[in-house]
């Protein structure tokens, strides 16, 4: 897991984590990850990218719309994390303490189950 700056672009985070990615059948990403270098790096590792093209891309790249709709599960998870005030406002100043807060919150959310 990578904890980056709040204003850090998706590209920088993806560039830092590309070597640490485990074997995967596909990589599902939102428009923030639409970059030729990321698509190429994933293809080089044998991971087909399923990333929706940005609206301002000159040549739109087709994507799997049915699979792309499954992203809502990930977005809901982040929304549930942000329901916790401590996570939303980032009370912890140290990255390792903040990451521990995220892990603890995710554990409680998982333990409580779907609401």
PDB file of N, CA and C in Angstrom:
ATOM      1  N   UNK A   1       0.843  -1.163   0.000  1.00  0.00           N
ATOM      2  CA  UNK A   1       0.000   0.000   0.000  1.00  0.00           C
ATOM      3  C   UNK A   1       0.892   1.230   0.000  1.00  0.00           C
ATOM      4  N   UNK A   2       0.421   2.256  -0.658  1.00  0.00           N
ATOM      5  CA  UNK A   2       1.178   3.492  -0.767  1.00  0.00           C
ATOM      6  C   UNK A   2       0.321   4.638  -0.244  1.00  0.00           C
ATOM      7  N   UNK A   3       0.880   5.394   0.665  1.00  0.00           N
ATOM      8  CA  UNK A   3       0.213   6.581   1.173  1.00  0.00           C
ATOM      9  C   UNK A   3       0.954   7.781   0.617  1.00  0.00           C
ATOM     10  N   UNK A   4       0.306   8.480  -0.296  1.00  0.00           N
ATOM     11  CA  UNK A   4       0.937   9.632  -0.934  1.00  0.00           C
ATOM     12  C   UNK A   4       0.335  10.931  -0.434  1.00  0.00           C
ATOM     13  N   UNK A   5       0.832  12.004  -0.992  1.00  0.00           N
ATOM     14  CA  UNK A   5       0.315  13.315  -0.649  1.00  0.00           C
ATOM     15  C   UNK A   5      -1.109  13.437  -1.175  1.00  0.00           C
ATOM     16  N   UNK A   6      -1.908  14.263  -0.548  1.00  0.00           N
ATOM     17  CA  UNK A   6      -3.294  14.429  -0.972  1.00  0.00           C
ATOM     18  C   UNK A   6      -3.417  14.972  -2.377  1.00  0.00           C
ATOM     19  N   UNK A   7      -2.487  15.819  -2.788  1.00  0.00           N
ATOM     20  CA  UNK A   7      -2.556  16.421  -4.109  1.00  0.00           C
ATOM     21  C   UNK A   7      -1.702  15.683  -5.140  1.00  0.00           C
ATOM     22  N   UNK A   8      -1.153  14.525  -4.775  1.00  0.00           N
ATOM     23  CA  UNK A   8      -0.309  13.755  -5.685  1.00  0.00           C
ATOM     24  C   UNK A   8      -1.160  13.128  -6.785  1.00  0.00           C
ATOM     25  N   UNK A   9      -0.676  13.199  -8.019  1.00  0.00           N
ATOM     26  CA  UNK A   9      -1.446  12.644  -9.136  1.00  0.00           C
ATOM     27  C   UNK A   9      -1.434  11.126  -9.100  1.00  0.00           C
ATOM     28  N   UNK A  10      -2.412  10.539  -9.770  1.00  0.00           N
ATOM     29  CA  UNK A  10      -2.501   9.086  -9.847  1.00  0.00           C
ATOM     30  C   UNK A  10      -1.282   8.509 -10.559  1.00  0.00           C
ATOM     31  N   UNK A  11      -0.742   9.258 -11.530  1.00  0.00           N
ATOM     32  CA  UNK A  11       0.391   8.757 -12.300  1.00  0.00           C
ATOM     33  C   UNK A  11       1.606   8.505 -11.415  1.00  0.00           C
ATOM     34  N   UNK A  12       1.898   9.443 -10.528  1.00  0.00           N
ATOM     35  CA  UNK A  12       3.068   9.283  -9.656  1.00  0.00           C
ATOM     36  C   UNK A  12       2.917   8.069  -8.751  1.00  0.00           C
ATOM     37  N   UNK A  13       1.749   7.889  -8.175  1.00  0.00           N
ATOM     38  CA  UNK A  13       1.516   6.734  -7.317  1.00  0.00           C
ATOM     39  C   UNK A  13       1.616   5.433  -8.091  1.00  0.00           C
ATOM     40  N   UNK A  14       1.075   5.420  -9.300  1.00  0.00           N
ATOM     41  CA  UNK A  14       1.131   4.205 -10.114  1.00  0.00           C
ATOM     42  C   UNK A  14       2.563   3.897 -10.528  1.00  0.00           C
ATOM     43  N   UNK A  15       3.332   4.930 -10.870  1.00  0.00           N
ATOM     44  CA  UNK A  15       4.735   4.719 -11.238  1.00  0.00           C
ATOM     45  C   UNK A  15       5.526   4.118 -10.088  1.00  0.00           C
ATOM     46  N   UNK A  16       5.228   4.539  -8.867  1.00  0.00           N
ATOM     47  CA  UNK A  16       5.941   4.018  -7.701  1.00  0.00           C
ATOM     48  C   UNK A  16       5.556   2.579  -7.373  1.00  0.00           C
ATOM     49  N   UNK A  17       4.339   2.189  -7.717  1.00  0.00           N
ATOM     50  CA  UNK A  17       3.843   0.875  -7.311  1.00  0.00           C
ATOM     51  C   UNK A  17       3.867  -0.175  -8.415  1.00  0.00           C
ATOM     52  N   UNK A  18       4.210   0.195  -9.637  1.00  0.00           N
ATOM     53  CA  UNK A  18       4.100  -0.743 -10.752  1.00  0.00           C
ATOM     54  C   UNK A  18       4.963  -1.987 -10.560  1.00  0.00           C
ATOM     55  N   UNK A  19       6.128  -1.844  -9.964  1.00  0.00           N
ATOM     56  CA  UNK A  19       7.002  -3.003  -9.760  1.00  0.00           C
ATOM     57  C   UNK A  19       6.509  -3.901  -8.629  1.00  0.00           C
ATOM     58  N   UNK A  20       5.706  -3.369  -7.734  1.00  0.00           N
ATOM     59  CA  UNK A  20       5.221  -4.146  -6.587  1.00  0.00           C
ATOM     60  C   UNK A  20       3.879  -4.820  -6.851  1.00  0.00           C
ATOM     61  N   UNK A  21       3.311  -4.612  -8.033  1.00  0.00           N
ATOM     62  CA  UNK A  21       2.010  -5.214  -8.327  1.00  0.00           C
ATOM     63  C   UNK A  21       2.121  -6.733  -8.383  1.00  0.00           C
ATOM     64  N   UNK A  22       1.188  -7.436  -7.753  1.00  0.00           N
ATOM     65  CA  UNK A  22       1.187  -8.900  -7.861  1.00  0.00           C
ATOM     66  C   UNK A  22       0.631  -9.329  -9.219  1.00  0.00           C
ATOM     67  N   UNK A  23       0.740 -10.599  -9.521  1.00  0.00           N
ATOM     68  CA  UNK A  23       0.164 -11.122 -10.756  1.00  0.00           C
ATOM     69  C   UNK A  23      -1.342 -10.863 -10.724  1.00  0.00           C
ATOM     70  N   UNK A  24      -1.857 -10.387 -11.822  1.00  0.00           N
ATOM     71  CA  UNK A  24      -3.283 -10.081 -11.884  1.00  0.00           C
ATOM     72  C   UNK A  24      -3.811 -10.412 -13.272  1.00  0.00           C
ATOM     73  N   UNK A  25      -5.085 -10.717 -13.335  1.00  0.00           N
ATOM     74  CA  UNK A  25      -5.697 -10.993 -14.635  1.00  0.00           C
ATOM     75  C   UNK A  25      -5.952  -9.705 -15.409  1.00  0.00           C
ATOM     76  N   UNK A  26      -6.375  -8.649 -14.693  1.00  0.00           N
ATOM     77  CA  UNK A  26      -6.633  -7.346 -15.310  1.00  0.00           C
ATOM     78  C   UNK A  26      -6.315  -6.251 -14.312  1.00  0.00           C
ATOM     79  N   UNK A  27      -6.193  -5.025 -14.799  1.00  0.00           N
ATOM     80  CA  UNK A  27      -6.033  -3.849 -13.947  1.00  0.00           C
ATOM     81  C   UNK A  27      -7.192  -2.921 -14.270  1.00  0.00           C
ATOM     82  N   UNK A  28      -8.088  -2.750 -13.312  1.00  0.00           N
ATOM     83  CA  UNK A  28      -9.256  -1.898 -13.473  1.00  0.00           C
ATOM     84  C   UNK A  28      -8.950  -0.553 -12.833  1.00  0.00           C
ATOM     85  N   UNK A  29      -9.014   0.513 -13.605  1.00  0.00           N
ATOM     86  CA  UNK A  29      -8.695   1.832 -13.072  1.00  0.00           C
ATOM     87  C   UNK A  29      -9.630   2.897 -13.611  1.00  0.00           C
ATOM     88  N   UNK A  30      -9.714   4.001 -12.899  1.00  0.00           N
ATOM     89  CA  UNK A  30     -10.563   5.088 -13.355  1.00  0.00           C
ATOM     90  C   UNK A  30      -9.777   5.980 -14.317  1.00  0.00           C
ATOM     91  N   UNK A  31     -10.409   7.055 -14.740  1.00  0.00           N
ATOM     92  CA  UNK A  31      -9.804   7.937 -15.741  1.00  0.00           C
ATOM     93  C   UNK A  31      -8.506   8.581 -15.267  1.00  0.00           C
ATOM     94  N   UNK A  32      -8.318   8.669 -13.976  1.00  0.00           N
ATOM     95  CA  UNK A  32      -7.100   9.262 -13.441  1.00  0.00           C
ATOM     96  C   UNK A  32      -5.849   8.466 -13.776  1.00  0.00           C
ATOM     97  N   UNK A  33      -6.014   7.208 -14.119  1.00  0.00           N
ATOM     98  CA  UNK A  33      -4.885   6.343 -14.466  1.00  0.00           C
ATOM     99  C   UNK A  33      -4.691   6.210 -15.971  1.00  0.00           C
ATOM    100  N   UNK A  34      -5.375   6.997 -16.751  1.00  0.00           N
ATOM    101  CA  UNK A  34      -5.274   6.916 -18.206  1.00  0.00           C
ATOM    102  C   UNK A  34      -4.004   7.613 -18.686  1.00  0.00           C
ATOM    103  N   UNK A  35      -2.953   6.836 -18.857  1.00  0.00           N
ATOM    104  CA  UNK A  35      -1.691   7.342 -19.385  1.00  0.00           C
ATOM    105  C   UNK A  35      -1.053   6.242 -20.223  1.00  0.00           C
ATOM    106  N   UNK A  36      -0.472   6.634 -21.340  1.00  0.00           N
ATOM    107  CA  UNK A  36       0.141   5.647 -22.225  1.00  0.00           C
ATOM    108  C   UNK A  36       1.248   4.874 -21.526  1.00  0.00           C
ATOM    109  N   UNK A  37       2.067   5.556 -20.712  1.00  0.00           N
ATOM    110  CA  UNK A  37       3.187   4.860 -20.058  1.00  0.00           C
ATOM    111  C   UNK A  37       2.683   3.825 -19.050  1.00  0.00           C
ATOM    112  N   UNK A  38       1.582   4.104 -18.359  1.00  0.00           N
ATOM    113  CA  UNK A  38       1.025   3.137 -17.426  1.00  0.00           C
ATOM    114  C   UNK A  38       0.425   1.953 -18.176  1.00  0.00           C
ATOM    115  N   UNK A  39      -0.292   2.233 -19.247  1.00  0.00           N
ATOM    116  CA  UNK A  39      -0.853   1.151 -20.062  1.00  0.00           C
ATOM    117  C   UNK A  39       0.265   0.255 -20.601  1.00  0.00           C
ATOM    118  N   UNK A  40       1.353   0.866 -21.055  1.00  0.00           N
ATOM    119  CA  UNK A  40       2.470   0.097 -21.594  1.00  0.00           C
ATOM    120  C   UNK A  40       3.153  -0.721 -20.499  1.00  0.00           C
ATOM    121  N   UNK A  41       3.353  -0.134 -19.335  1.00  0.00           N
ATOM    122  CA  UNK A  41       3.998  -0.848 -18.230  1.00  0.00           C
ATOM    123  C   UNK A  41       3.158  -2.047 -17.800  1.00  0.00           C
ATOM    124  N   UNK A  42       1.846  -1.888 -17.763  1.00  0.00           N
ATOM    125  CA  UNK A  42       0.968  -3.004 -17.412  1.00  0.00           C
ATOM    126  C   UNK A  42       1.014  -4.090 -18.481  1.00  0.00           C
ATOM    127  N   UNK A  43       0.994  -3.685 -19.737  1.00  0.00           N
ATOM    128  CA  UNK A  43       1.056  -4.657 -20.825  1.00  0.00           C
ATOM    129  C   UNK A  43       2.376  -5.417 -20.807  1.00  0.00           C
ATOM    130  N   UNK A  44       3.472  -4.730 -20.480  1.00  0.00           N
ATOM    131  CA  UNK A  44       4.783  -5.387 -20.386  1.00  0.00           C
ATOM    132  C   UNK A  44       4.798  -6.454 -19.300  1.00  0.00           C
ATOM    133  N   UNK A  45       4.018  -6.256 -18.261  1.00  0.00           N
ATOM    134  CA  UNK A  45       3.936  -7.236 -17.168  1.00  0.00           C
ATOM    135  C   UNK A  45       2.873  -8.305 -17.430  1.00  0.00           C
ATOM    136  N   UNK A  46       2.200  -8.214 -18.570  1.00  0.00           N
ATOM    137  CA  UNK A  46       1.181  -9.209 -18.907  1.00  0.00           C
ATOM    138  C   UNK A  46      -0.159  -8.957 -18.249  1.00  0.00           C
ATOM    139  N   UNK A  47      -0.386  -7.728 -17.819  1.00  0.00           N
ATOM    140  CA  UNK A  47      -1.656  -7.359 -17.174  1.00  0.00           C
ATOM    141  C   UNK A  47      -2.428  -6.460 -18.130  1.00  0.00           C
ATOM    142  N   UNK A  48      -3.550  -6.937 -18.688  1.00  0.00           N
ATOM    143  CA  UNK A  48      -4.303  -6.072 -19.598  1.00  0.00           C
ATOM    144  C   UNK A  48      -4.986  -4.937 -18.841  1.00  0.00           C
ATOM    145  N   UNK A  49      -4.748  -3.697 -19.245  1.00  0.00           N
ATOM    146  CA  UNK A  49      -5.397  -2.569 -18.561  1.00  0.00           C
ATOM    147  C   UNK A  49      -6.841  -2.391 -19.010  1.00  0.00           C
ATOM    148  N   UNK A  50      -7.720  -2.187 -18.065  1.00  0.00           N
ATOM    149  CA  UNK A  50      -9.128  -1.859 -18.328  1.00  0.00           C
ATOM    150  C   UNK A  50      -9.378  -0.498 -17.701  1.00  0.00           C
ATOM    151  N   UNK A  51      -8.874   0.514 -18.385  1.00  0.00           N
ATOM    152  CA  UNK A  51      -8.916   1.886 -17.884  1.00  0.00           C
ATOM    153  C   UNK A  51      -9.724   2.725 -18.869  1.00  0.00           C
ATOM    154  N   UNK A  52     -10.694   3.431 -18.368  1.00  0.00           N
ATOM    155  CA  UNK A  52     -11.503   4.287 -19.222  1.00  0.00           C
ATOM    156  C   UNK A  52     -10.680   5.489 -19.668  1.00  0.00           C
ATOM    157  N   UNK A  53     -10.816   5.884 -20.919  1.00  0.00           N
ATOM    158  CA  UNK A  53     -10.064   7.020 -21.459  1.00  0.00           C
ATOM    159  C   UNK A  53     -10.596   8.330 -20.907  1.00  0.00           C
ATOM    160  N   UNK A  54      -9.678   9.273 -20.721  1.00  0.00           N
ATOM    161  CA  UNK A  54     -10.094  10.610 -20.316  1.00  0.00           C
ATOM    162  C   UNK A  54     -10.899  11.254 -21.441  1.00  0.00           C
ATOM    163  N   UNK A  55     -11.718  12.198 -21.098  1.00  0.00           N
ATOM    164  CA  UNK A  55     -12.570  12.857 -22.083  1.00  0.00           C
ATOM    165  C   UNK A  55     -11.754  13.646 -23.099  1.00  0.00           C
ATOM    166  N   UNK A  56     -10.589  14.160 -22.697  1.00  0.00           N
ATOM    167  CA  UNK A  56      -9.793  14.982 -23.607  1.00  0.00           C
ATOM    168  C   UNK A  56      -8.735  14.179 -24.371  1.00  0.00           C
ATOM    169  N   UNK A  57      -8.757  12.861 -24.308  1.00  0.00           N
ATOM    170  CA  UNK A  57      -7.809  12.035 -25.065  1.00  0.00           C
ATOM    171  C   UNK A  57      -8.166  12.115 -26.548  1.00  0.00           C
ATOM    172  N   UNK A  58      -7.146  12.284 -27.382  1.00  0.00           N
ATOM    173  CA  UNK A  58      -7.409  12.425 -28.821  1.00  0.00           C
ATOM    174  C   UNK A  58      -8.024  11.165 -29.417  1.00  0.00           C
ATOM    175  N   UNK A  59      -7.401  10.044 -29.184  1.00  0.00           N
ATOM    176  CA  UNK A  59      -7.929   8.782 -29.680  1.00  0.00           C
ATOM    177  C   UNK A  59      -8.494   7.975 -28.532  1.00  0.00           C
ATOM    178  N   UNK A  60      -9.800   7.917 -28.416  1.00  0.00           N
ATOM    179  CA  UNK A  60     -10.433   7.193 -27.319  1.00  0.00           C
ATOM    180  C   UNK A  60     -10.109   5.704 -27.426  1.00  0.00           C
ATOM    181  N   UNK A  61      -9.733   5.095 -26.317  1.00  0.00           N
ATOM    182  CA  UNK A  61      -9.425   3.676 -26.260  1.00  0.00           C
ATOM    183  C   UNK A  61     -10.656   2.969 -25.702  1.00  0.00           C
ATOM    184  N   UNK A  62     -11.148   1.948 -26.412  1.00  0.00           N
ATOM    185  CA  UNK A  62     -12.351   1.271 -25.909  1.00  0.00           C
ATOM    186  C   UNK A  62     -12.097   0.571 -24.577  1.00  0.00           C
ATOM    187  N   UNK A  63     -13.135   0.475 -23.767  1.00  0.00           N
ATOM    188  CA  UNK A  63     -13.034  -0.175 -22.461  1.00  0.00           C
ATOM    189  C   UNK A  63     -14.235  -1.093 -22.271  1.00  0.00           C
ATOM    190  N   UNK A  64     -14.145  -1.969 -21.321  1.00  0.00           N
ATOM    191  CA  UNK A  64     -15.227  -2.902 -21.006  1.00  0.00           C
ATOM    192  C   UNK A  64     -16.190  -2.191 -20.054  1.00  0.00           C
ATOM    193  N   UNK A  65     -17.322  -1.735 -20.574  1.00  0.00           N
ATOM    194  CA  UNK A  65     -18.260  -0.938 -19.778  1.00  0.00           C
ATOM    195  C   UNK A  65     -18.877  -1.751 -18.640  1.00  0.00           C
ATOM    196  N   UNK A  66     -19.140  -3.035 -18.868  1.00  0.00           N
ATOM    197  CA  UNK A  66     -19.739  -3.873 -17.833  1.00  0.00           C
ATOM    198  C   UNK A  66     -18.775  -4.033 -16.664  1.00  0.00           C
ATOM    199  N   UNK A  67     -17.525  -4.313 -16.980  1.00  0.00           N
ATOM    200  CA  UNK A  67     -16.518  -4.460 -15.927  1.00  0.00           C
ATOM    201  C   UNK A  67     -16.243  -3.126 -15.237  1.00  0.00           C
ATOM    202  N   UNK A  68     -16.215  -2.042 -16.009  1.00  0.00           N
ATOM    203  CA  UNK A  68     -15.934  -0.718 -15.440  1.00  0.00           C
ATOM    204  C   UNK A  68     -16.982  -0.321 -14.403  1.00  0.00           C
ATOM    205  N   UNK A  69     -18.231  -0.772 -14.584  1.00  0.00           N
ATOM    206  CA  UNK A  69     -19.285  -0.452 -13.624  1.00  0.00           C
ATOM    207  C   UNK A  69     -19.055  -1.104 -12.272  1.00  0.00           C
ATOM    208  N   UNK A  70     -18.204  -2.114 -12.201  1.00  0.00           N
ATOM    209  CA  UNK A  70     -17.918  -2.779 -10.931  1.00  0.00           C
ATOM    210  C   UNK A  70     -17.034  -1.923 -10.020  1.00  0.00           C
ATOM    211  N   UNK A  71     -16.486  -0.838 -10.546  1.00  0.00           N
ATOM    212  CA  UNK A  71     -15.652   0.056  -9.735  1.00  0.00           C
ATOM    213  C   UNK A  71     -16.409   0.667  -8.570  1.00  0.00           C
ATOM    214  N   UNK A  72     -17.729   0.699  -8.651  1.00  0.00           N
ATOM    215  CA  UNK A  72     -18.508   1.317  -7.580  1.00  0.00           C
ATOM    216  C   UNK A  72     -18.237   0.654  -6.236  1.00  0.00           C
ATOM    217  N   UNK A  73     -17.894  -0.609  -6.230  1.00  0.00           N
ATOM    218  CA  UNK A  73     -17.595  -1.300  -4.980  1.00  0.00           C
ATOM    219  C   UNK A  73     -16.371  -0.700  -4.300  1.00  0.00           C
ATOM    220  N   UNK A  74     -15.381  -0.348  -5.090  1.00  0.00           N
ATOM    221  CA  UNK A  74     -14.173   0.275  -4.552  1.00  0.00           C
ATOM    222  C   UNK A  74     -14.490   1.686  -4.060  1.00  0.00           C
ATOM    223  N   UNK A  75     -15.268   2.428  -4.856  1.00  0.00           N
ATOM    224  CA  UNK A  75     -15.637   3.788  -4.468  1.00  0.00           C
ATOM    225  C   UNK A  75     -16.466   3.787  -3.187  1.00  0.00           C
ATOM    226  N   UNK A  76     -17.364   2.815  -3.030  1.00  0.00           N
ATOM    227  CA  UNK A  76     -18.147   2.713  -1.800  1.00  0.00           C
ATOM    228  C   UNK A  76     -17.251   2.459  -0.599  1.00  0.00           C
ATOM    229  N   UNK A  77     -16.220   1.630  -0.787  1.00  0.00           N
ATOM    230  CA  UNK A  77     -15.305   1.330   0.316  1.00  0.00           C
ATOM    231  C   UNK A  77     -14.594   2.605   0.777  1.00  0.00           C
ATOM    232  N   UNK A  78     -14.124   3.417  -0.171  1.00  0.00           N
ATOM    233  CA  UNK A  78     -13.474   4.670   0.212  1.00  0.00           C
ATOM    234  C   UNK A  78     -14.465   5.618   0.878  1.00  0.00           C
ATOM    235  N   UNK A  79     -15.696   5.623   0.412  1.00  0.00           N
ATOM    236  CA  UNK A  79     -16.726   6.443   1.041  1.00  0.00           C
ATOM    237  C   UNK A  79     -16.991   6.027   2.477  1.00  0.00           C
ATOM    238  N   UNK A  80     -17.003   4.725   2.729  1.00  0.00           N
ATOM    239  CA  UNK A  80     -17.223   4.243   4.095  1.00  0.00           C
ATOM    240  C   UNK A  80     -16.043   4.585   4.992  1.00  0.00           C
ATOM    241  N   UNK A  81     -14.835   4.543   4.445  1.00  0.00           N
ATOM    242  CA  UNK A  81     -13.668   4.958   5.240  1.00  0.00           C
ATOM    243  C   UNK A  81     -13.781   6.427   5.637  1.00  0.00           C
ATOM    244  N   UNK A  82     -14.259   7.243   4.704  1.00  0.00           N
ATOM    245  CA  UNK A  82     -14.351   8.681   4.972  1.00  0.00           C
ATOM    246  C   UNK A  82     -15.526   9.041   5.875  1.00  0.00           C
ATOM    247  N   UNK A  83     -16.381   8.070   6.188  1.00  0.00           N
ATOM    248  CA  UNK A  83     -17.429   8.307   7.180  1.00  0.00           C
ATOM    249  C   UNK A  83     -16.823   8.490   8.566  1.00  0.00           C
ATOM    250  N   UNK A  84     -15.641   8.002   8.769  1.00  0.00           N
ATOM    251  CA  UNK A  84     -14.948   8.110  10.046  1.00  0.00           C
ATOM    252  C   UNK A  84     -14.201   9.439  10.068  1.00  0.00           C
ATOM    253  N   UNK A  85     -14.590  10.292  10.971  1.00  0.00           N
ATOM    254  CA  UNK A  85     -14.062  11.649  11.027  1.00  0.00           C
ATOM    255  C   UNK A  85     -12.544  11.697  11.137  1.00  0.00           C
ATOM    256  N   UNK A  86     -11.976  10.804  11.912  1.00  0.00           N
ATOM    257  CA  UNK A  86     -10.528  10.778  12.106  1.00  0.00           C
ATOM    258  C   UNK A  86      -9.788  10.553  10.782  1.00  0.00           C
ATOM    259  N   UNK A  87     -10.366   9.746   9.907  1.00  0.00           N
ATOM    260  CA  UNK A  87      -9.761   9.464   8.610  1.00  0.00           C
ATOM    261  C   UNK A  87     -10.034  10.620   7.654  1.00  0.00           C
ATOM    262  N   UNK A  88     -11.259  11.104   7.653  1.00  0.00           N
ATOM    263  CA  UNK A  88     -11.659  12.156   6.721  1.00  0.00           C
ATOM    264  C   UNK A  88     -10.825  13.424   6.902  1.00  0.00           C
ATOM    265  N   UNK A  89     -10.606  13.829   8.135  1.00  0.00           N
ATOM    266  CA  UNK A  89      -9.877  15.071   8.389  1.00  0.00           C
ATOM    267  C   UNK A  89      -8.387  14.873   8.610  1.00  0.00           C
ATOM    268  N   UNK A  90      -7.943  13.631   8.597  1.00  0.00           N
ATOM    269  CA  UNK A  90      -6.548  13.260   8.788  1.00  0.00           C
ATOM    270  C   UNK A  90      -5.949  13.910  10.035  1.00  0.00           C
ATOM    271  N   UNK A  91      -6.459  13.474  11.179  1.00  0.00           N
ATOM    272  CA  UNK A  91      -5.951  13.980  12.452  1.00  0.00           C
ATOM    273  C   UNK A  91      -4.487  13.616  12.659  1.00  0.00           C
ATOM    274  N   UNK A  92      -4.096  12.443  12.205  1.00  0.00           N
ATOM    275  CA  UNK A  92      -2.726  11.978  12.425  1.00  0.00           C
ATOM    276  C   UNK A  92      -1.778  12.680  11.455  1.00  0.00           C
ATOM    277  N   UNK A  93      -0.722  13.229  11.972  1.00  0.00           N
ATOM    278  CA  UNK A  93       0.244  13.928  11.127  1.00  0.00           C
ATOM    279  C   UNK A  93       1.317  12.998  10.587  1.00  0.00           C
ATOM    280  N   UNK A  94       1.622  11.944  11.306  1.00  0.00           N
ATOM    281  CA  UNK A  94       2.630  10.994  10.847  1.00  0.00           C
ATOM    282  C   UNK A  94       1.975  10.007   9.886  1.00  0.00           C
ATOM    283  N   UNK A  95       2.662   9.703   8.786  1.00  0.00           N
ATOM    284  CA  UNK A  95       2.099   8.808   7.780  1.00  0.00           C
ATOM    285  C   UNK A  95       1.840   7.421   8.343  1.00  0.00           C
ATOM    286  N   UNK A  96       2.758   6.906   9.154  1.00  0.00           N
ATOM    287  CA  UNK A  96       2.575   5.549   9.673  1.00  0.00           C
ATOM    288  C   UNK A  96       1.407   5.474  10.656  1.00  0.00           C
ATOM    289  N   UNK A  97       1.165   6.529  11.423  1.00  0.00           N
ATOM    290  CA  UNK A  97       0.046   6.555  12.354  1.00  0.00           C
ATOM    291  C   UNK A  97      -1.270   6.669  11.581  1.00  0.00           C
ATOM    292  N   UNK A  98      -1.282   7.483  10.544  1.00  0.00           N
ATOM    293  CA  UNK A  98      -2.474   7.628   9.705  1.00  0.00           C
ATOM    294  C   UNK A  98      -2.809   6.308   9.013  1.00  0.00           C
ATOM    295  N   UNK A  99      -1.784   5.635   8.491  1.00  0.00           N
ATOM    296  CA  UNK A  99      -2.004   4.350   7.831  1.00  0.00           C
ATOM    297  C   UNK A  99      -2.558   3.324   8.821  1.00  0.00           C
ATOM    298  N   UNK A 100      -2.068   3.356  10.045  1.00  0.00           N
ATOM    299  CA  UNK A 100      -2.596   2.446  11.064  1.00  0.00           C
ATOM    300  C   UNK A 100      -4.059   2.750  11.354  1.00  0.00           C
ATOM    301  N   UNK A 101      -4.421   4.027  11.363  1.00  0.00           N
ATOM    302  CA  UNK A 101      -5.821   4.402  11.548  1.00  0.00           C
ATOM    303  C   UNK A 101      -6.704   3.876  10.422  1.00  0.00           C
ATOM    304  N   UNK A 102      -6.204   3.933   9.191  1.00  0.00           N
ATOM    305  CA  UNK A 102      -6.948   3.401   8.046  1.00  0.00           C
ATOM    306  C   UNK A 102      -7.130   1.898   8.189  1.00  0.00           C
ATOM    307  N   UNK A 103      -6.063   1.203   8.570  1.00  0.00           N
ATOM    308  CA  UNK A 103      -6.133  -0.253   8.729  1.00  0.00           C
ATOM    309  C   UNK A 103      -7.132  -0.621   9.831  1.00  0.00           C
ATOM    310  N   UNK A 104      -7.063   0.068  10.952  1.00  0.00           N
ATOM    311  CA  UNK A 104      -8.002  -0.211  12.051  1.00  0.00           C
ATOM    312  C   UNK A 104      -9.442   0.062  11.627  1.00  0.00           C
ATOM    313  N   UNK A 105      -9.663   1.165  10.939  1.00  0.00           N
ATOM    314  CA  UNK A 105     -11.008   1.513  10.486  1.00  0.00           C
ATOM    315  C   UNK A 105     -11.527   0.480   9.496  1.00  0.00           C
ATOM    316  N   UNK A 106     -10.687   0.070   8.550  1.00  0.00           N
ATOM    317  CA  UNK A 106     -11.095  -0.938   7.567  1.00  0.00           C
ATOM    318  C   UNK A 106     -11.432  -2.258   8.259  1.00  0.00           C
ATOM    319  N   UNK A 107     -10.684  -2.600   9.286  1.00  0.00           N
ATOM    320  CA  UNK A 107     -10.954  -3.830  10.026  1.00  0.00           C
ATOM    321  C   UNK A 107     -12.317  -3.765  10.707  1.00  0.00           C
ATOM    322  N   UNK A 108     -12.631  -2.652  11.328  1.00  0.00           N
ATOM    323  CA  UNK A 108     -13.928  -2.495  11.998  1.00  0.00           C
ATOM    324  C   UNK A 108     -15.054  -2.516  10.970  1.00  0.00           C
ATOM    325  N   UNK A 109     -14.860  -1.846   9.842  1.00  0.00           N
ATOM    326  CA  UNK A 109     -15.888  -1.840   8.796  1.00  0.00           C
ATOM    327  C   UNK A 109     -16.127  -3.262   8.296  1.00  0.00           C
ATOM    328  N   UNK A 110     -15.048  -4.009   8.080  1.00  0.00           N
ATOM    329  CA  UNK A 110     -15.180  -5.387   7.623  1.00  0.00           C
ATOM    330  C   UNK A 110     -15.890  -6.235   8.680  1.00  0.00           C
ATOM    331  N   UNK A 111     -15.537  -6.030   9.930  1.00  0.00           N
ATOM    332  CA  UNK A 111     -16.110  -6.801  11.031  1.00  0.00           C
ATOM    333  C   UNK A 111     -17.608  -6.524  11.181  1.00  0.00           C
ATOM    334  N   UNK A 112     -17.995  -5.252  11.019  1.00  0.00           N
ATOM    335  CA  UNK A 112     -19.405  -4.897  11.131  1.00  0.00           C
ATOM    336  C   UNK A 112     -20.224  -5.400   9.950  1.00  0.00           C
ATOM    337  N   UNK A 113     -19.597  -5.570   8.811  1.00  0.00           N
ATOM    338  CA  UNK A 113     -20.278  -6.071   7.622  1.00  0.00           C
ATOM    339  C   UNK A 113     -21.035  -4.975   6.919  1.00  0.00           C
ATOM    340  N   UNK A 114     -21.742  -5.339   5.834  1.00  0.00           N
ATOM    341  CA  UNK A 114     -22.490  -4.329   5.082  1.00  0.00           C
ATOM    342  C   UNK A 114     -23.612  -3.721   5.904  1.00  0.00           C
ATOM    343  N   UNK A 115     -23.793  -2.454   5.763  1.00  0.00           N
ATOM    344  CA  UNK A 115     -24.811  -1.747   6.528  1.00  0.00           C
ATOM    345  C   UNK A 115     -26.033  -1.498   5.675  1.00  0.00           C
TER     346      UNK A 115
END
